[in-house]
Amino acid sequence: MKELSNSQLTEMIRKRAADTGNVVLTKHAKSRMKLRKITEAEVHATLRNGRLEDPPELAPNGGLTATMAYFYAGRKIGVVVGLVETDGLPVVTVLCIKQR
């Protein structure tokens, strides 16, 4: 995946997350969502409206990992995403959910 600025990466995540078909929730993320009582709607709102919390990191698979954060219903939610390109388009994979 090519190098992107934080604002470019934020926009890419927001744009791809606009279609829920581009977002994949891992088993671990679903487990964390259940534990923290966070809904899929809250995860999607975070991806569509949030901001990068930390600079992205290069993942072993050649993609990027980053955390999007957003205040939703009075609480801060962090969504750790992995981005890899499939057929030239990035797929947003939700790896973990944080509540702060």
C-alpha atoms as a PDB file:
ATOM      1  CA  MET A   1       0.000   0.000   0.000  1.00  0.00           C
ATOM      2  CA  LYS A   2       1.370   3.397  -0.938  1.00  0.00           C
ATOM      3  CA  GLU A   3       2.349   5.912   1.708  1.00  0.00           C
ATOM      4  CA  LEU A   4      -0.450   8.299   2.637  1.00  0.00           C
ATOM      5  CA  SER A   5      -0.681  11.386   4.830  1.00  0.00           C
ATOM      6  CA  ASN A   6      -2.905  11.161   7.912  1.00  0.00           C
ATOM      7  CA  SER A   7      -5.601  13.253   6.231  1.00  0.00           C
ATOM      8  CA  GLN A   8      -5.481  11.104   3.073  1.00  0.00           C
ATOM      9  CA  LEU A   9      -5.737   7.917   5.138  1.00  0.00           C
ATOM     10  CA  THR A  10      -8.613   9.342   7.191  1.00  0.00           C
ATOM     11  CA  GLU A  11     -10.500  10.243   4.021  1.00  0.00           C
ATOM     12  CA  MET A  12      -9.816   6.813   2.502  1.00  0.00           C
ATOM     13  CA  ILE A  13     -11.178   5.027   5.583  1.00  0.00           C
ATOM     14  CA  ARG A  14     -14.242   7.294   5.691  1.00  0.00           C
ATOM     15  CA  LYS A  15     -14.935   6.829   1.993  1.00  0.00           C
ATOM     16  CA  ARG A  16     -14.536   3.039   2.058  1.00  0.00           C
ATOM     17  CA  ALA A  17     -16.578   2.715   5.283  1.00  0.00           C
ATOM     18  CA  ALA A  18     -19.475   4.607   3.686  1.00  0.00           C
ATOM     19  CA  ASP A  19     -20.440   1.219   2.219  1.00  0.00           C
ATOM     20  CA  THR A  20     -20.709  -1.359   5.010  1.00  0.00           C
ATOM     21  CA  GLY A  21     -19.797  -4.045   2.455  1.00  0.00           C
ATOM     22  CA  ASN A  22     -16.239  -2.688   2.521  1.00  0.00           C
ATOM     23  CA  VAL A  23     -15.923  -3.224   6.291  1.00  0.00           C
ATOM     24  CA  VAL A  24     -15.020  -6.619   7.756  1.00  0.00           C
ATOM     25  CA  LEU A  25     -15.300  -7.287  11.499  1.00  0.00           C
ATOM     26  CA  THR A  26     -12.870  -9.896  12.815  1.00  0.00           C
ATOM     27  CA  LYS A  27     -13.870 -12.426  15.445  1.00  0.00           C
ATOM     28  CA  HIS A  28     -11.690 -10.570  17.967  1.00  0.00           C
ATOM     29  CA  ALA A  29     -13.377  -7.233  17.164  1.00  0.00           C
ATOM     30  CA  LYS A  30     -16.843  -8.773  17.596  1.00  0.00           C
ATOM     31  CA  SER A  31     -15.748 -10.213  20.945  1.00  0.00           C
ATOM     32  CA  ARG A  32     -14.514  -6.796  22.106  1.00  0.00           C
ATOM     33  CA  MET A  33     -17.700  -5.138  20.869  1.00  0.00           C
ATOM     34  CA  LYS A  34     -19.794  -7.535  22.929  1.00  0.00           C
ATOM     35  CA  LEU A  35     -17.586  -7.070  26.001  1.00  0.00           C
ATOM     36  CA  ARG A  36     -17.731  -3.263  25.742  1.00  0.00           C
ATOM     37  CA  LYS A  37     -21.368  -3.121  24.621  1.00  0.00           C
ATOM     38  CA  ILE A  38     -20.491  -1.359  21.373  1.00  0.00           C
ATOM     39  CA  THR A  39     -22.796  -1.830  18.405  1.00  0.00           C
ATOM     40  CA  GLU A  40     -21.970  -2.179  14.730  1.00  0.00           C
ATOM     41  CA  ALA A  41     -23.690   1.190  14.215  1.00  0.00           C
ATOM     42  CA  GLU A  42     -21.203   2.777  16.639  1.00  0.00           C
ATOM     43  CA  VAL A  43     -18.270   1.126  14.855  1.00  0.00           C
ATOM     44  CA  HIS A  44     -19.491   2.345  11.461  1.00  0.00           C
ATOM     45  CA  ALA A  45     -20.115   5.851  12.831  1.00  0.00           C
ATOM     46  CA  THR A  46     -16.549   5.878  14.170  1.00  0.00           C
ATOM     47  CA  LEU A  47     -15.130   4.803  10.810  1.00  0.00           C
ATOM     48  CA  ARG A  48     -17.225   7.339   8.897  1.00  0.00           C
ATOM     49  CA  ASN A  49     -16.754  10.306  11.237  1.00  0.00           C
ATOM     50  CA  GLY A  50     -13.702   9.611  13.380  1.00  0.00           C
ATOM     51  CA  ARG A  51     -10.157  10.882  13.229  1.00  0.00           C
ATOM     52  CA  LEU A  52      -6.869   9.054  13.281  1.00  0.00           C
ATOM     53  CA  GLU A  53      -5.706   8.788  16.855  1.00  0.00           C
ATOM     54  CA  ASP A  54      -2.130   7.658  16.152  1.00  0.00           C
ATOM     55  CA  PRO A  55       0.043   7.626  13.044  1.00  0.00           C
ATOM     56  CA  PRO A  56      -0.567   4.539  10.898  1.00  0.00           C
ATOM     57  CA  GLU A  57       1.852   1.638  11.155  1.00  0.00           C
ATOM     58  CA  LEU A  58       3.017  -0.761   8.480  1.00  0.00           C
ATOM     59  CA  ALA A  59       1.593  -4.242   9.043  1.00  0.00           C
ATOM     60  CA  PRO A  60       3.497  -7.481   8.287  1.00  0.00           C
ATOM     61  CA  ASN A  61       1.122  -8.181   5.370  1.00  0.00           C
ATOM     62  CA  GLY A  62       2.172  -4.940   3.659  1.00  0.00           C
ATOM     63  CA  GLY A  63      -1.004  -3.097   4.637  1.00  0.00           C
ATOM     64  CA  LEU A  64      -1.473  -0.442   7.271  1.00  0.00           C
ATOM     65  CA  THR A  65      -2.979  -0.442  10.754  1.00  0.00           C
ATOM     66  CA  ALA A  66      -4.441   2.651  12.370  1.00  0.00           C
ATOM     67  CA  THR A  67      -6.867   3.650  15.114  1.00  0.00           C
ATOM     68  CA  MET A  68      -9.883   5.817  14.342  1.00  0.00           C
ATOM     69  CA  ALA A  69     -11.437   7.534  17.383  1.00  0.00           C
ATOM     70  CA  TYR A  70     -14.817   9.203  17.761  1.00  0.00           C
ATOM     71  CA  PHE A  71     -17.079  10.420  20.550  1.00  0.00           C
ATOM     72  CA  TYR A  72     -20.404   8.635  20.205  1.00  0.00           C
ATOM     73  CA  ALA A  73     -23.308   8.714  22.660  1.00  0.00           C
ATOM     74  CA  GLY A  74     -21.133  10.312  25.345  1.00  0.00           C
ATOM     75  CA  ARG A  75     -18.184   7.922  25.150  1.00  0.00           C
ATOM     76  CA  LYS A  76     -14.971   7.761  23.178  1.00  0.00           C
ATOM     77  CA  ILE A  77     -14.691   4.738  20.927  1.00  0.00           C
ATOM     78  CA  GLY A  78     -11.489   3.603  19.248  1.00  0.00           C
ATOM     79  CA  VAL A  79     -11.596   1.283  16.253  1.00  0.00           C
ATOM     80  CA  VAL A  80      -8.337  -0.373  15.229  1.00  0.00           C
ATOM     81  CA  VAL A  81      -8.406  -0.984  11.504  1.00  0.00           C
ATOM     82  CA  GLY A  82      -6.231  -2.873   9.097  1.00  0.00           C
ATOM     83  CA  LEU A  83      -6.121  -1.731   5.475  1.00  0.00           C
ATOM     84  CA  VAL A  84      -5.083  -3.998   2.645  1.00  0.00           C
ATOM     85  CA  GLU A  85      -5.712  -3.586  -1.047  1.00  0.00           C
ATOM     86  CA  THR A  86      -7.886  -6.120  -2.843  1.00  0.00           C
ATOM     87  CA  ASP A  87      -8.247  -5.680  -6.591  1.00  0.00           C
ATOM     88  CA  GLY A  88      -6.663  -2.253  -6.223  1.00  0.00           C
ATOM     89  CA  LEU A  89      -9.179  -1.053  -3.611  1.00  0.00           C
ATOM     90  CA  PRO A  90      -8.551  -0.932   0.135  1.00  0.00           C
ATOM     91  CA  VAL A  91     -10.659  -3.138   2.403  1.00  0.00           C
ATOM     92  CA  VAL A  92     -11.217  -1.879   5.954  1.00  0.00           C
ATOM     93  CA  THR A  93     -10.858  -4.705   8.468  1.00  0.00           C
ATOM     94  CA  VAL A  94     -11.842  -3.922  12.055  1.00  0.00           C
ATOM     95  CA  LEU A  95      -9.244  -5.649  14.213  1.00  0.00           C
ATOM     96  CA  CYS A  96     -10.058  -4.428  17.716  1.00  0.00           C
ATOM     97  CA  ILE A  97     -12.381  -2.090  19.599  1.00  0.00           C
ATOM     98  CA  LYS A  98     -11.258   0.225  22.399  1.00  0.00           C
ATOM     99  CA  GLN A  99     -13.369   2.231  24.794  1.00  0.00           C
ATOM    100  CA  ARG A 100     -11.770   5.135  26.581  1.00  0.00           C
END
